[in-house]
Each structure stands twice: as structure tokens, then as C-alpha cells.
């Protein structure tokens, strides 16, 4: 239980005032033993027991009156577990707001979890008060200070987005803010629906965040307002791919995935509405399970249209944020892959993985080059560059860097000279091969399954990365982000920070005996195909982007400056020039990267229109599993943390003042005390005549005994008072 006027609790010792008065009276009126009175009291033993009980009840009632008055003035708060946290007004209140699509699930009255959470937290903070307000939302992840609570709650950055939340990242932003600003006692309010994809309970960042909060000199308390309830029925749709074809007429081949959860009847029909350039097509999808995939559904195009955009949608349900998806289409670029290798036999599995397209129809070209033939290297229209040789030297490196700056993808594997025990020199973007670790079998201990090359599939099924066995691997030097880590701590797959494009280093080869990358097949094939897909998006006339992906998660300053020097702005600069072609109305331009829709930029120098870009929510956002109670407790282990669960549209406040309860308790105690102080009714003569004579007195003397008893009672009452 917390109190708004916690200082009033210092008056609680006044509860003992009736006891002190009673003891003083006992001391003032000394008991003198008198034989006749002792005989009368002993004879009236039953009456004395009742009088003594009444005296104790009167004293207890008076103590309750004082205690109720003190608690009422202290303004106690209560609501779930929040009510048992410590009280006191904080110096700074930080609100961490989950704006992900799942928070837009509607409940009673059509109010979403996000809207309900904002309202509940606003009411709670209005009651508790604070001197400084800071908002860290899940989209921008940037602390924003506000002068008033109303300004913070009504800010545009509290509306829903299509971007997933990164709760560990939001807490790290909180740590950075507190360390940089050094406020006093702080409270962190976190509003979320506990989706596992957003909380990432397996992320190693949680340990660092907990340790950082534990070391802070000021008090930091956490209040979690959770909305873990799932919708009774919810369906979602996403586009898997869209490409133009001229076979059998001008058309778009559209692949999409429809998912359903809750009590939606399996086997029913799900109407899907497809819009392209104002023309509408409807498709009924038979839901034979919780997830149905439609591949290459043909949508005719008017005339000679060769590029454009469209939208697919399903009927409205409890969450409108996952009922639409956007796509762009154009002639697909050629799937050209360049493989540079000094040992073609060791890279045979990689060559096969690059040559087979996922749909089995698209033609793929794999150009294999030896290191000594790099004079003829052309990367302009290559979807991906795979490099299993010594790192590019000073002559080749600029061309590879220009390719990366243009959005190209490069995948490095250890050269055969390194696995043969020879030292290799050179580095690319600050990363270099260090040494070779042989005859040391290792397993993949952890990997990033939520994004990048090793992310889970669209259905939420993770790649079998943990089944890989790495018998030999290389050590890396430099700065990079680990996407997969071997037992022992060495990386298996890393990504190098770049302004655009993707540069990956895999520390194991696919050669037989060195790893099971080739025999496993799945992980290698998916990783290579995803790198090709990213490269095709970069060189194509259209692009697809996940909402909230800024492309500057870890920008290398040197790479950024070189990119600018080459006349190619960073991805973030390009996104800042976006104009909305399709999408939700009323969205600020600064929020375009976080909202689903279709966008396009214009090159300021050439005034040439850039490729159309479709922005949609991420795949993990459709995964509906939530954290368990034990997982949540482990994540906040060692921190001052409380939690209260609410529901979308909930009307009951999460924090309430309960001083009225103590006021009523005080009045009840006063009434009880008054009732107990009423003198006993004297027994009637008839009752006395009919009552057995237990005292041994004659009946004519009973009235005298009764008077004596009454007098004794009054004496005790006076003493108690």
C-alpha cells in the first residue's frame, strides 16, 4: 500500500493513547483489598467477565478511531500489486510506451490496449504527481521531455505504429537517460502487452540492463501495466512477394499469407480484397488451418503498366493494424550472384545454395571467379557477392565498398589458406581474419532469431541453427554485431555496421569435415537466399522495408562519410525525403518510417524519382505468444518492480485512493464505542425473582447485590476511561 501523504504515518504511535490513559487511570486509582467487596466480586464473577471484555472492546474501538483518522489523512492508494509498492513523489517519471501493432487490439467500447494504457497511466500519474515527465516510445526510442503530463500523453509519438517494439532497447535508452541527466528518485512506467517478440527474453541485453539499474545511486522503481489478453478472434494478412510477369498477358503474381487465431472457425472462407491502381479484385481463401499461403495469384494489369503498388486487406476484426499489407511490383532484376573462391570444391555447397531460387522458376546465374581473375569483376547488377578467398586488397577493395554503399550484399567465408594453417593479411571495413581454430568441435550457443539472415520463418518456425556442428572455425578481429555465437564465445556469423548494404562474415566454411553447413543445408540455403533477396531489393525498381528499420542501427562513421563522398546518401537521409503514396492519413512525415504504406523519394540533385518502397510490419509481430510469469520475474530479478494487469477498454483505475475506506472504518469504530458505553439495563424484579440464587443472599437482598454489581461496572468503566 502506498500513501500520497506518507509523512502522516509518523503519527501512528498516537494509536496507543487510549492504552496510556488506561494505564494512568490504573495508577491513579489504587485498588484496596476489602474483604466484603472481594466476596461480592467473587460472587458476581460472570458479570465481571462481561464488563472486562466490554472495557477492552471500548479501548480497541478508540484505538481504531485514531488509526483510521491517521490513515485517511495519509491518503492511501491501492490497486493490485501497485498498491503495495513504496510511496513518495518521484523526481522524474519515465514512461516506456509500446506502440507496436499488437497494442492496437481493441476491447470493450472499441478502445485499444494502447489507448486504454495511455488513459490509465495518465489517471495514475495525475494522482501520484511528479516534477518531470519523460517519454520513450517503442518507435523512436529517443527520450522526450515534457513540461506537463497532458502534453506527454497527447503527443503524436504516443499513437500506434506498424513497427515492432524492442523492450530491452527501451530500457537501455532509460539507463542512458538516467546516467546522462542524473535525476533524483525516478519511476519507470512500462505499458506493454508482453509479446515475446517485443520483449526478447533470451537477449543478452537484459543482464546488462539489470546490472546498470542496480548500480545507479538513485532509487528507480518499475511499474508494469500489462495487457496480456489475447483476442477471441483475430486474423492477419501479409504479402510474401509481388512481381510483374508478361507471360499470358501483363499481370502481377502475388503471394500472400493469411493467419488466424482464437475462435475463428477453421475451414471457413476468408475474403481478401486486392487493390491495384484503384482497381479492386476479391479472392476467397479457404482457411484449412490457422495459416494459409497463396502463391503467385495472378492479378491482371491494365495496358502496359510495368510498375506500381497495391494493397491487400481482410475484413475488420479486433485488431485493424494487421488487416492490411502493402506491396510494390516491377520487373524483377536478374538474380546474378558473383562467387569469388580460391577453393571451388570447398565452396560447392555455397554455389548450389545460390543457384536454386526459392520458387524454383526464377533463373539464377552464379558467376564463379578465382582471385587472380578479379580484374574483370563487375558488381553493378549483382544481387550478392560471396567471397571465400583472402580479403579484397587495396586495388579491389574500393570497388567492393562502392557496391556495398549502393545497397549490395557481401558474404565472406574463411579462405582456404587460413584453414590450411597459413596467416592471412588484410581487412575489410575494419574486420580481419585472425587465426584458425581446428579440431575443436563447437555448437551454436545462441543466435538472432528475430531478424537478419537467421531470423525465423514467416510462420514463426526457427531455423535449425542449433543443430549445426562446427569442427573448425576462424577467429575474427574488429568491430561487428554477432548474429550467431559458438560455445566458447567465438562468433559464427557477424554483421559489420554499414550505412547501406550488408556485409557479413561467416567464420566456418561449408567444406565437409569442417562443419555441417553443407549436410544440414537448410541454414546455409536460407541465409544465402536472404542475402540475395536483400540485394535484389537494393538493385530493383521497387523496395520493401520493415517498419521501424532505419538502416542506421549501427552506422560506421567512416563508411558513412565515404558514402556521402560518393554522392549516395544514407538510407536514413533517403527516408527523410519520403513522400507518402499510400497509407494511413494524418501521419506526420517524421513517422513515415514507422507506419505501413507506400513511399517514394526524389533525388534532390538529379530530380529523379527513387524506387517505390512498401513498408509493412515485421514477421515476428504476428507471433502471438506472450511472456510467462516466471520469465517476467527473471527479467526484473533484483529490481524494485510491481505489475498490474488490465484489459483493453478497462474502466477500473489501476491506482485508486482508498481514504474513504478508513474514514468509514473510523466512523464505525466511533459508533461501536458509543454502543459499548451505554449502561447495562437493570434486571427487572420479575427476572430477579425467577433467577436462581447463586450468591447465597436472600431475594430481598438481590437488589442490593445488583446495585453493587452495577456500581462495580461503573467503577471499571471509569477506570478504563
Foldseek 3Di string as FASTA:
>chain_A
DEFLQVVLCVCLVCLCVLVVLLVVLPVVDDDDDDVVLVLLCVLPVVLVVVLVVLLVLLSNLSSLLVVLVSQLVRFQKDFAFVSPFYADEFAEEEEEAWQALQQQQFDPPRFGNLRVVLVQVLVVCVVRDYQWYWYQYQQPLAIDTDRDSVCVSPPPSSHHFNEGGAVLSNLVSVLVVCVVPVGAAYEYEYEEQFQCLNDVLVDPSLVVSLVSQVPRPHAYAYEYAHAPDDDQKDKFKEWPDWEWDQVVHTWIFTKMKMFMDHPDDAQAWWWKWKDWPRDIDIDTDGRNDRMDIDGGDIDHDPDPDFKGKMKMATDDDSRRQRGMFIDIYGHFAAAEEEEEAQDCQLCVLLQVLSQAAPVNPGGHHYHYHYPVPCVPDDQQRHLAYEYAAAPDDPVCQVVVLVCQLLQYAYEYEHHVCQVVFHDGDDDHLFKHWDHKDAQDKKFWPDFDQCDAQQHQDLVRHGDVRRPKIARMWIAMDGDWAAGIAIPVGGGQKTWHAALHHTYMYGGFTVGPPRMCCSVSVPSSSSSSNVSSVSSSQSNDLEHEDEQSDQSPPPHDPVNQVVSVVVVHHGSNVQLLQKDFPDFDPPDDSVRVSRHFGKIWGADPVVRHIGHIYTYGHGSSSPVSDRDDPVSVCVSQPPHNYTYDYDHRPDDDRSMDGDSVVSVVSSVVSVVSSVVSPDQDDQDDLVVLVVDDDSSPDDSVCVVVSSVSSSVVSVVVSVSSD
